[in-house]
Structures are given as structure tokens and as C-alpha cells.
Amino acid sequence: MVRLPLTPEEVERGQRLGALLRRARGERSMLDIALDAHVSPETLRKIESGRVATPAFPTIAVIADALGLSLDVVWAEINRPERGAGRAGSGHHAPEQLAS
């Protein structure tokens, strides 16, 4: 399967997701959160750093749960309007983008 290059918007969403997860983790170790979420520390590290900009939805869900974040908060943060982008209505397709 050939994976298409990420769009600048997908990269930016991945960076916002990583920043949100780092803020929510606070002083807790990456290892503790990864163990609580049943994901590898490397997976969490890649998501937090933006290296995996479009993680699978179940992965986001278990990490958010381990951090005590609601998926509504995660969704709102990663899909907040970009300055000057004028992307009204694009949120209808975002779930597929997250699950890539």
C-alpha cells in the first residue's frame, strides 16, 4: 500500500495533537502514560513529537483516556480553525484523516 504524502494541514494537526498530549502529560513520564494506554513508549514519543501526524483513532482514544482528556477536547484542539485558512465545513472529513 502506498501512503500519500501528508498535507500541510495534516502535519499541522499532528503538531497540535502532540503539543496537547505533552501539555496534558505534564510531569508524568512518557513511560507511565504509554503503559497506562497500552501503547509503546516509542509510539507515544512519535505522536508527541509530530513524527506520526495521523495516528489511528483507537490509539488517540486510549492515550486521551490515560491522560484524562475527553475526545471532544482533543477533537476541538486538533481541528481548531487555522488563521486565514477559511476551511469552513472541512470537519466533516476529519475522522477519516485521523484514522489513516
PDB file of N, CA and C in Angstrom:
ATOM      1  N   MET A   1       0.842  -1.173   0.000  1.00  0.00           N
ATOM      2  CA  MET A   1       0.000   0.000   0.000  1.00  0.00           C
ATOM      3  C   MET A   1       0.891   1.241   0.000  1.00  0.00           C
ATOM      4  N   VAL A   2       0.618   2.134  -0.903  1.00  0.00           N
ATOM      5  CA  VAL A   2       1.373   3.373  -0.996  1.00  0.00           C
ATOM      6  C   VAL A   2       0.674   4.428  -0.162  1.00  0.00           C
ATOM      7  N   ARG A   3       1.426   5.066   0.700  1.00  0.00           N
ATOM      8  CA  ARG A   3       0.866   6.129   1.531  1.00  0.00           C
ATOM      9  C   ARG A   3       1.161   7.470   0.874  1.00  0.00           C
ATOM     10  N   LEU A   4       0.111   8.241   0.677  1.00  0.00           N
ATOM     11  CA  LEU A   4       0.274   9.563   0.085  1.00  0.00           C
ATOM     12  C   LEU A   4       0.982  10.495   1.056  1.00  0.00           C
ATOM     13  N   PRO A   5       1.732  11.456   0.550  1.00  0.00           N
ATOM     14  CA  PRO A   5       2.376  12.432   1.439  1.00  0.00           C
ATOM     15  C   PRO A   5       1.315  13.193   2.235  1.00  0.00           C
ATOM     16  N   LEU A   6       1.671  13.562   3.435  1.00  0.00           N
ATOM     17  CA  LEU A   6       0.752  14.323   4.272  1.00  0.00           C
ATOM     18  C   LEU A   6       0.613  15.738   3.740  1.00  0.00           C
ATOM     19  N   THR A   7      -0.584  16.262   3.875  1.00  0.00           N
ATOM     20  CA  THR A   7      -0.816  17.657   3.507  1.00  0.00           C
ATOM     21  C   THR A   7      -0.264  18.546   4.617  1.00  0.00           C
ATOM     22  N   PRO A   8      -0.007  19.799   4.321  1.00  0.00           N
ATOM     23  CA  PRO A   8       0.430  20.725   5.380  1.00  0.00           C
ATOM     24  C   PRO A   8      -0.588  20.789   6.528  1.00  0.00           C
ATOM     25  N   GLU A   9      -1.871  20.682   6.211  1.00  0.00           N
ATOM     26  CA  GLU A   9      -2.906  20.713   7.250  1.00  0.00           C
ATOM     27  C   GLU A   9      -2.807  19.494   8.162  1.00  0.00           C
ATOM     28  N   GLU A  10      -2.542  18.320   7.597  1.00  0.00           N
ATOM     29  CA  GLU A  10      -2.392  17.105   8.398  1.00  0.00           C
ATOM     30  C   GLU A  10      -1.162  17.210   9.305  1.00  0.00           C
ATOM     31  N   VAL A  11      -0.085  17.742   8.767  1.00  0.00           N
ATOM     32  CA  VAL A  11       1.130  17.927   9.559  1.00  0.00           C
ATOM     33  C   VAL A  11       0.849  18.875  10.728  1.00  0.00           C
ATOM     34  N   GLU A  12       0.144  19.973  10.442  1.00  0.00           N
ATOM     35  CA  GLU A  12      -0.168  20.937  11.498  1.00  0.00           C
ATOM     36  C   GLU A  12      -1.080  20.324  12.565  1.00  0.00           C
ATOM     37  N   ARG A  13      -2.073  19.544  12.136  1.00  0.00           N
ATOM     38  CA  ARG A  13      -2.945  18.864  13.105  1.00  0.00           C
ATOM     39  C   ARG A  13      -2.141  17.912  13.975  1.00  0.00           C
ATOM     40  N   GLY A  14      -1.203  17.202  13.367  1.00  0.00           N
ATOM     41  CA  GLY A  14      -0.355  16.289  14.130  1.00  0.00           C
ATOM     42  C   GLY A  14       0.493  17.023  15.156  1.00  0.00           C
ATOM     43  N   GLN A  15       0.982  18.204  14.779  1.00  0.00           N
ATOM     44  CA  GLN A  15       1.768  19.005  15.720  1.00  0.00           C
ATOM     45  C   GLN A  15       0.898  19.501  16.871  1.00  0.00           C
ATOM     46  N   ARG A  16      -0.332  19.911  16.552  1.00  0.00           N
ATOM     47  CA  ARG A  16      -1.240  20.356  17.619  1.00  0.00           C
ATOM     48  C   ARG A  16      -1.601  19.203  18.547  1.00  0.00           C
ATOM     49  N   LEU A  17      -1.815  18.011  17.978  1.00  0.00           N
ATOM     50  CA  LEU A  17      -2.115  16.833  18.799  1.00  0.00           C
ATOM     51  C   LEU A  17      -0.946  16.537  19.726  1.00  0.00           C
ATOM     52  N   GLY A  18       0.270  16.529  19.190  1.00  0.00           N
ATOM     53  CA  GLY A  18       1.443  16.256  20.014  1.00  0.00           C
ATOM     54  C   GLY A  18       1.600  17.254  21.137  1.00  0.00           C
ATOM     55  N   ALA A  19       1.402  18.535  20.829  1.00  0.00           N
ATOM     56  CA  ALA A  19       1.523  19.574  21.857  1.00  0.00           C
ATOM     57  C   ALA A  19       0.466  19.401  22.940  1.00  0.00           C
ATOM     58  N   LEU A  20      -0.755  19.072  22.536  1.00  0.00           N
ATOM     59  CA  LEU A  20      -1.828  18.843  23.510  1.00  0.00           C
ATOM     60  C   LEU A  20      -1.488  17.679  24.434  1.00  0.00           C
ATOM     61  N   LEU A  21      -1.006  16.589  23.871  1.00  0.00           N
ATOM     62  CA  LEU A  21      -0.673  15.419  24.685  1.00  0.00           C
ATOM     63  C   LEU A  21       0.482  15.718  25.644  1.00  0.00           C
ATOM     64  N   ARG A  22       1.483  16.448  25.173  1.00  0.00           N
ATOM     65  CA  ARG A  22       2.601  16.816  26.061  1.00  0.00           C
ATOM     66  C   ARG A  22       2.113  17.679  27.218  1.00  0.00           C
ATOM     67  N   ARG A  23       1.250  18.671  26.908  1.00  0.00           N
ATOM     68  CA  ARG A  23       0.713  19.535  27.975  1.00  0.00           C
ATOM     69  C   ARG A  23      -0.105  18.719  28.962  1.00  0.00           C
ATOM     70  N   ALA A  24      -0.923  17.826  28.463  1.00  0.00           N
ATOM     71  CA  ALA A  24      -1.783  17.021  29.338  1.00  0.00           C
ATOM     72  C   ALA A  24      -0.959  16.049  30.184  1.00  0.00           C
ATOM     73  N   ARG A  25       0.159  15.581  29.657  1.00  0.00           N
ATOM     74  CA  ARG A  25       1.009  14.645  30.400  1.00  0.00           C
ATOM     75  C   ARG A  25       1.681  15.344  31.562  1.00  0.00           C
ATOM     76  N   GLY A  26       1.995  16.625  31.389  1.00  0.00           N
ATOM     77  CA  GLY A  26       2.613  17.391  32.465  1.00  0.00           C
ATOM     78  C   GLY A  26       3.902  16.765  32.947  1.00  0.00           C
ATOM     79  N   GLU A  27       3.966  16.527  34.246  1.00  0.00           N
ATOM     80  CA  GLU A  27       5.176  15.970  34.861  1.00  0.00           C
ATOM     81  C   GLU A  27       5.223  14.437  34.819  1.00  0.00           C
ATOM     82  N   ARG A  28       4.132  13.829  34.386  1.00  0.00           N
ATOM     83  CA  ARG A  28       4.116  12.359  34.332  1.00  0.00           C
ATOM     84  C   ARG A  28       5.060  11.878  33.239  1.00  0.00           C
ATOM     85  N   SER A  29       5.650  10.735  33.465  1.00  0.00           N
ATOM     86  CA  SER A  29       6.609  10.225  32.480  1.00  0.00           C
ATOM     87  C   SER A  29       5.898   9.659  31.264  1.00  0.00           C
ATOM     88  N   MET A  30       6.586   9.720  30.158  1.00  0.00           N
ATOM     89  CA  MET A  30       6.071   9.152  28.929  1.00  0.00           C
ATOM     90  C   MET A  30       5.837   7.652  29.104  1.00  0.00           C
ATOM     91  N   LEU A  31       6.733   6.993  29.823  1.00  0.00           N
ATOM     92  CA  LEU A  31       6.610   5.552  30.054  1.00  0.00           C
ATOM     93  C   LEU A  31       5.332   5.230  30.827  1.00  0.00           C
ATOM     94  N   ASP A  32       5.048   5.989  31.876  1.00  0.00           N
ATOM     95  CA  ASP A  32       3.833   5.733  32.668  1.00  0.00           C
ATOM     96  C   ASP A  32       2.577   5.873  31.820  1.00  0.00           C
ATOM     97  N   ILE A  33       2.505   6.927  31.021  1.00  0.00           N
ATOM     98  CA  ILE A  33       1.324   7.137  30.179  1.00  0.00           C
ATOM     99  C   ILE A  33       1.228   6.043  29.125  1.00  0.00           C
ATOM    100  N   ALA A  34       2.343   5.689  28.506  1.00  0.00           N
ATOM    101  CA  ALA A  34       2.333   4.635  27.492  1.00  0.00           C
ATOM    102  C   ALA A  34       1.860   3.311  28.096  1.00  0.00           C
ATOM    103  N   LEU A  35       2.344   2.985  29.278  1.00  0.00           N
ATOM    104  CA  LEU A  35       1.904   1.747  29.925  1.00  0.00           C
ATOM    105  C   LEU A  35       0.418   1.791  30.260  1.00  0.00           C
ATOM    106  N   ASP A  36      -0.052   2.931  30.776  1.00  0.00           N
ATOM    107  CA  ASP A  36      -1.478   3.077  31.095  1.00  0.00           C
ATOM    108  C   ASP A  36      -2.344   2.939  29.844  1.00  0.00           C
ATOM    109  N   ALA A  37      -1.834   3.435  28.717  1.00  0.00           N
ATOM    110  CA  ALA A  37      -2.599   3.425  27.467  1.00  0.00           C
ATOM    111  C   ALA A  37      -2.404   2.130  26.666  1.00  0.00           C
ATOM    112  N   HIS A  38      -1.476   1.285  27.115  1.00  0.00           N
ATOM    113  CA  HIS A  38      -1.163   0.037  26.408  1.00  0.00           C
ATOM    114  C   HIS A  38      -0.649   0.307  24.991  1.00  0.00           C
ATOM    115  N   VAL A  39       0.194   1.342  24.882  1.00  0.00           N
ATOM    116  CA  VAL A  39       0.902   1.614  23.632  1.00  0.00           C
ATOM    117  C   VAL A  39       2.389   1.636  23.971  1.00  0.00           C
ATOM    118  N   SER A  40       3.212   1.511  22.965  1.00  0.00           N
ATOM    119  CA  SER A  40       4.647   1.543  23.234  1.00  0.00           C
ATOM    120  C   SER A  40       5.087   2.979  23.524  1.00  0.00           C
ATOM    121  N   PRO A  41       6.110   3.125  24.370  1.00  0.00           N
ATOM    122  CA  PRO A  41       6.640   4.466  24.603  1.00  0.00           C
ATOM    123  C   PRO A  41       7.094   5.127  23.297  1.00  0.00           C
ATOM    124  N   GLU A  42       7.609   4.336  22.362  1.00  0.00           N
ATOM    125  CA  GLU A  42       8.054   4.896  21.084  1.00  0.00           C
ATOM    126  C   GLU A  42       6.873   5.447  20.289  1.00  0.00           C
ATOM    127  N   THR A  43       5.740   4.758  20.335  1.00  0.00           N
ATOM    128  CA  THR A  43       4.542   5.266  19.651  1.00  0.00           C
ATOM    129  C   THR A  43       4.137   6.607  20.243  1.00  0.00           C
ATOM    130  N   LEU A  44       4.091   6.681  21.565  1.00  0.00           N
ATOM    131  CA  LEU A  44       3.722   7.939  22.226  1.00  0.00           C
ATOM    132  C   LEU A  44       4.734   9.030  21.894  1.00  0.00           C
ATOM    133  N   ARG A  45       6.002   8.702  21.905  1.00  0.00           N
ATOM    134  CA  ARG A  45       7.051   9.680  21.582  1.00  0.00           C
ATOM    135  C   ARG A  45       6.864  10.218  20.167  1.00  0.00           C
ATOM    136  N   LYS A  46       6.585   9.335  19.213  1.00  0.00           N
ATOM    137  CA  LYS A  46       6.404   9.763  17.825  1.00  0.00           C
ATOM    138  C   LYS A  46       5.172  10.648  17.667  1.00  0.00           C
ATOM    139  N   ILE A  47       4.096  10.322  18.369  1.00  0.00           N
ATOM    140  CA  ILE A  47       2.888  11.139  18.283  1.00  0.00           C
ATOM    141  C   ILE A  47       3.134  12.499  18.925  1.00  0.00           C
ATOM    142  N   GLU A  48       3.744  12.508  20.109  1.00  0.00           N
ATOM    143  CA  GLU A  48       4.016  13.773  20.797  1.00  0.00           C
ATOM    144  C   GLU A  48       4.951  14.676  20.003  1.00  0.00           C
ATOM    145  N   SER A  49       5.874  14.085  19.271  1.00  0.00           N
ATOM    146  CA  SER A  49       6.834  14.882  18.506  1.00  0.00           C
ATOM    147  C   SER A  49       6.302  15.283  17.137  1.00  0.00           C
ATOM    148  N   GLY A  50       5.151  14.748  16.753  1.00  0.00           N
ATOM    149  CA  GLY A  50       4.584  15.052  15.450  1.00  0.00           C
ATOM    150  C   GLY A  50       5.108  14.175  14.334  1.00  0.00           C
ATOM    151  N   ARG A  51       5.971  13.207  14.657  1.00  0.00           N
ATOM    152  CA  ARG A  51       6.506  12.318  13.630  1.00  0.00           C
ATOM    153  C   ARG A  51       5.426  11.396  13.075  1.00  0.00           C
ATOM    154  N   VAL A  52       4.420  11.091  13.887  1.00  0.00           N
ATOM    155  CA  VAL A  52       3.242  10.363  13.412  1.00  0.00           C
ATOM    156  C   VAL A  52       2.102  11.362  13.488  1.00  0.00           C
ATOM    157  N   ALA A  53       1.853  12.020  12.369  1.00  0.00           N
ATOM    158  CA  ALA A  53       0.878  13.112  12.351  1.00  0.00           C
ATOM    159  C   ALA A  53      -0.558  12.633  12.255  1.00  0.00           C
ATOM    160  N   THR A  54      -0.765  11.392  11.794  1.00  0.00           N
ATOM    161  CA  THR A  54      -2.125  10.881  11.640  1.00  0.00           C
ATOM    162  C   THR A  54      -2.257   9.507  12.306  1.00  0.00           C
ATOM    163  N   PRO A  55      -2.135   9.469  13.641  1.00  0.00           N
ATOM    164  CA  PRO A  55      -2.266   8.177  14.321  1.00  0.00           C
ATOM    165  C   PRO A  55      -3.687   7.640  14.196  1.00  0.00           C
ATOM    166  N   ALA A  56      -3.826   6.345  14.344  1.00  0.00           N
ATOM    167  CA  ALA A  56      -5.140   5.710  14.274  1.00  0.00           C
ATOM    168  C   ALA A  56      -6.021   6.215  15.415  1.00  0.00           C
ATOM    169  N   PHE A  57      -7.303   6.337  15.134  1.00  0.00           N
ATOM    170  CA  PHE A  57      -8.236   6.837  16.133  1.00  0.00           C
ATOM    171  C   PHE A  57      -8.189   6.037  17.439  1.00  0.00           C
ATOM    172  N   PRO A  58      -8.173   4.677  17.402  1.00  0.00           N
ATOM    173  CA  PRO A  58      -8.116   3.945  18.678  1.00  0.00           C
ATOM    174  C   PRO A  58      -6.875   4.284  19.504  1.00  0.00           C
ATOM    175  N   THR A  59      -5.778   4.585  18.831  1.00  0.00           N
ATOM    176  CA  THR A  59      -4.559   4.968  19.549  1.00  0.00           C
ATOM    177  C   THR A  59      -4.757   6.308  20.245  1.00  0.00           C
ATOM    178  N   ILE A  60      -5.340   7.262  19.544  1.00  0.00           N
ATOM    179  CA  ILE A  60      -5.629   8.555  20.162  1.00  0.00           C
ATOM    180  C   ILE A  60      -6.579   8.366  21.340  1.00  0.00           C
ATOM    181  N   ALA A  61      -7.578   7.528  21.161  1.00  0.00           N
ATOM    182  CA  ALA A  61      -8.588   7.323  22.212  1.00  0.00           C
ATOM    183  C   ALA A  61      -7.975   6.754  23.484  1.00  0.00           C
ATOM    184  N   VAL A  62      -7.089   5.761  23.374  1.00  0.00           N
ATOM    185  CA  VAL A  62      -6.519   5.161  24.591  1.00  0.00           C
ATOM    186  C   VAL A  62      -5.533   6.104  25.266  1.00  0.00           C
ATOM    187  N   ILE A  63      -4.800   6.884  24.478  1.00  0.00           N
ATOM    188  CA  ILE A  63      -3.873   7.844  25.077  1.00  0.00           C
ATOM    189  C   ILE A  63      -4.657   8.958  25.766  1.00  0.00           C
ATOM    190  N   ALA A  64      -5.687   9.460  25.110  1.00  0.00           N
ATOM    191  CA  ALA A  64      -6.525  10.507  25.721  1.00  0.00           C
ATOM    192  C   ALA A  64      -7.120  10.006  27.027  1.00  0.00           C
ATOM    193  N   ASP A  65      -7.593   8.770  27.041  1.00  0.00           N
ATOM    194  CA  ASP A  65      -8.164   8.189  28.255  1.00  0.00           C
ATOM    195  C   ASP A  65      -7.123   8.112  29.362  1.00  0.00           C
ATOM    196  N   ALA A  66      -5.926   7.679  29.027  1.00  0.00           N
ATOM    197  CA  ALA A  66      -4.850   7.579  30.029  1.00  0.00           C
ATOM    198  C   ALA A  66      -4.489   8.955  30.592  1.00  0.00           C
ATOM    199  N   LEU A  67      -4.678   9.996  29.790  1.00  0.00           N
ATOM    200  CA  LEU A  67      -4.366  11.363  30.224  1.00  0.00           C
ATOM    201  C   LEU A  67      -5.564  12.065  30.863  1.00  0.00           C
ATOM    202  N   GLY A  68      -6.724  11.427  30.830  1.00  0.00           N
ATOM    203  CA  GLY A  68      -7.919  12.048  31.379  1.00  0.00           C
ATOM    204  C   GLY A  68      -8.499  13.121  30.485  1.00  0.00           C
ATOM    205  N   LEU A  69      -8.196  13.058  29.185  1.00  0.00           N
ATOM    206  CA  LEU A  69      -8.720  14.022  28.220  1.00  0.00           C
ATOM    207  C   LEU A  69      -9.967  13.458  27.560  1.00  0.00           C
ATOM    208  N   SER A  70     -10.965  14.301  27.373  1.00  0.00           N
ATOM    209  CA  SER A  70     -12.115  13.853  26.599  1.00  0.00           C
ATOM    210  C   SER A  70     -11.760  13.942  25.122  1.00  0.00           C
ATOM    211  N   LEU A  71     -12.359  13.076  24.340  1.00  0.00           N
ATOM    212  CA  LEU A  71     -12.114  13.129  22.904  1.00  0.00           C
ATOM    213  C   LEU A  71     -12.659  14.414  22.301  1.00  0.00           C
ATOM    214  N   ASP A  72     -13.667  15.001  22.924  1.00  0.00           N
ATOM    215  CA  ASP A  72     -14.179  16.290  22.459  1.00  0.00           C
ATOM    216  C   ASP A  72     -13.101  17.366  22.560  1.00  0.00           C
ATOM    217  N   VAL A  73     -12.349  17.352  23.654  1.00  0.00           N
ATOM    218  CA  VAL A  73     -11.263  18.324  23.834  1.00  0.00           C
ATOM    219  C   VAL A  73     -10.178  18.093  22.788  1.00  0.00           C
ATOM    220  N   VAL A  74      -9.819  16.832  22.591  1.00  0.00           N
ATOM    221  CA  VAL A  74      -8.787  16.509  21.599  1.00  0.00           C
ATOM    222  C   VAL A  74      -9.250  16.960  20.214  1.00  0.00           C
ATOM    223  N   TRP A  75     -10.479  16.617  19.873  1.00  0.00           N
ATOM    224  CA  TRP A  75     -11.023  16.976  18.560  1.00  0.00           C
ATOM    225  C   TRP A  75     -11.018  18.489  18.351  1.00  0.00           C
ATOM    226  N   ALA A  76     -11.489  19.221  19.357  1.00  0.00           N
ATOM    227  CA  ALA A  76     -11.545  20.681  19.243  1.00  0.00           C
ATOM    228  C   ALA A  76     -10.148  21.269  19.075  1.00  0.00           C
ATOM    229  N   GLU A  77      -9.179  20.744  19.788  1.00  0.00           N
ATOM    230  CA  GLU A  77      -7.814  21.283  19.716  1.00  0.00           C
ATOM    231  C   GLU A  77      -7.172  21.009  18.363  1.00  0.00           C
ATOM    232  N   ILE A  78      -7.284  19.803  17.876  1.00  0.00           N
ATOM    233  CA  ILE A  78      -6.564  19.494  16.640  1.00  0.00           C
ATOM    234  C   ILE A  78      -7.271  20.026  15.401  1.00  0.00           C
ATOM    235  N   ASN A  79      -8.534  20.386  15.531  1.00  0.00           N
ATOM    236  CA  ASN A  79      -9.276  20.892  14.378  1.00  0.00           C
ATOM    237  C   ASN A  79      -9.661  22.350  14.520  1.00  0.00           C
ATOM    238  N   ARG A  80      -9.014  23.054  15.431  1.00  0.00           N
ATOM    239  CA  ARG A  80      -9.339  24.480  15.572  1.00  0.00           C
ATOM    240  C   ARG A  80      -9.003  25.186  14.259  1.00  0.00           C
ATOM    241  N   PRO A  81      -9.770  26.210  13.939  1.00  0.00           N
ATOM    242  CA  PRO A  81      -9.545  26.896  12.663  1.00  0.00           C
ATOM    243  C   PRO A  81      -8.136  27.469  12.581  1.00  0.00           C
ATOM    244  N   GLU A  82      -7.550  27.291  11.413  1.00  0.00           N
ATOM    245  CA  GLU A  82      -6.226  27.856  11.177  1.00  0.00           C
ATOM    246  C   GLU A  82      -6.384  29.291  10.725  1.00  0.00           C
ATOM    247  N   ARG A  83      -5.495  30.124  11.165  1.00  0.00           N
ATOM    248  CA  ARG A  83      -5.563  31.546  10.813  1.00  0.00           C
ATOM    249  C   ARG A  83      -5.532  31.724   9.297  1.00  0.00           C
ATOM    250  N   GLY A  84      -6.563  32.404   8.790  1.00  0.00           N
ATOM    251  CA  GLY A  84      -6.592  32.757   7.377  1.00  0.00           C
ATOM    252  C   GLY A  84      -6.824  31.610   6.422  1.00  0.00           C
ATOM    253  N   ALA A  85      -7.140  30.422   6.933  1.00  0.00           N
ATOM    254  CA  ALA A  85      -7.278  29.275   6.038  1.00  0.00           C
ATOM    255  C   ALA A  85      -8.655  29.184   5.400  1.00  0.00           C
ATOM    256  N   GLY A  86      -9.704  29.690   6.077  1.00  0.00           N
ATOM    257  CA  GLY A  86     -11.042  29.658   5.512  1.00  0.00           C
ATOM    258  C   GLY A  86     -11.504  28.274   5.128  1.00  0.00           C
ATOM    259  N   ARG A  87     -11.430  27.341   6.069  1.00  0.00           N
ATOM    260  CA  ARG A  87     -11.737  25.947   5.763  1.00  0.00           C
ATOM    261  C   ARG A  87     -13.090  25.530   6.298  1.00  0.00           C
ATOM    262  N   ALA A  88     -14.088  26.340   6.191  1.00  0.00           N
ATOM    263  CA  ALA A  88     -15.415  26.026   6.708  1.00  0.00           C
ATOM    264  C   ALA A  88     -15.911  24.726   6.108  1.00  0.00           C
ATOM    265  N   GLY A  89     -16.466  23.881   6.985  1.00  0.00           N
ATOM    266  CA  GLY A  89     -17.057  22.632   6.539  1.00  0.00           C
ATOM    267  C   GLY A  89     -16.085  21.485   6.410  1.00  0.00           C
ATOM    268  N   SER A  90     -14.798  21.703   6.603  1.00  0.00           N
ATOM    269  CA  SER A  90     -13.844  20.612   6.414  1.00  0.00           C
ATOM    270  C   SER A  90     -13.895  19.588   7.525  1.00  0.00           C
ATOM    271  N   GLY A  91     -14.481  19.911   8.663  1.00  0.00           N
ATOM    272  CA  GLY A  91     -14.538  18.986   9.787  1.00  0.00           C
ATOM    273  C   GLY A  91     -15.305  17.722   9.501  1.00  0.00           C
ATOM    274  N   HIS A  92     -16.145  17.698   8.469  1.00  0.00           N
ATOM    275  CA  HIS A  92     -16.909  16.511   8.163  1.00  0.00           C
ATOM    276  C   HIS A  92     -16.023  15.366   7.689  1.00  0.00           C
ATOM    277  N   HIS A  93     -14.829  15.665   7.187  1.00  0.00           N
ATOM    278  CA  HIS A  93     -13.948  14.633   6.673  1.00  0.00           C
ATOM    279  C   HIS A  93     -12.801  14.303   7.612  1.00  0.00           C
ATOM    280  N   ALA A  94     -12.686  14.998   8.708  1.00  0.00           N
ATOM    281  CA  ALA A  94     -11.547  14.810   9.607  1.00  0.00           C
ATOM    282  C   ALA A  94     -11.475  13.421  10.218  1.00  0.00           C
ATOM    283  N   PRO A  95     -12.585  12.726  10.569  1.00  0.00           N
ATOM    284  CA  PRO A  95     -12.414  11.396  11.153  1.00  0.00           C
ATOM    285  C   PRO A  95     -11.641  10.451  10.256  1.00  0.00           C
ATOM    286  N   GLU A  96     -11.870  10.497   8.943  1.00  0.00           N
ATOM    287  CA  GLU A  96     -11.131   9.626   8.045  1.00  0.00           C
ATOM    288  C   GLU A  96      -9.659   9.991   8.041  1.00  0.00           C
ATOM    289  N   GLN A  97      -9.354  11.278   8.136  1.00  0.00           N
ATOM    290  CA  GLN A  97      -7.966  11.706   8.145  1.00  0.00           C
ATOM    291  C   GLN A  97      -7.257  11.228   9.391  1.00  0.00           C
ATOM    292  N   LEU A  98      -7.952  11.243  10.527  1.00  0.00           N
ATOM    293  CA  LEU A  98      -7.346  10.781  11.763  1.00  0.00           C
ATOM    294  C   LEU A  98      -7.051   9.295  11.714  1.00  0.00           C
ATOM    295  N   ALA A  99      -7.912   8.538  11.085  1.00  0.00           N
ATOM    296  CA  ALA A  99      -7.789   7.089  11.103  1.00  0.00           C
ATOM    297  C   ALA A  99      -6.858   6.553  10.044  1.00  0.00           C
ATOM    298  N   SER A 100      -6.246   7.377   9.241  1.00  0.00           N
ATOM    299  CA  SER A 100      -5.367   6.925   8.162  1.00  0.00           C
ATOM    300  C   SER A 100      -4.241   6.084   8.694  1.00  0.00           C
TER     301      SER A 100
END
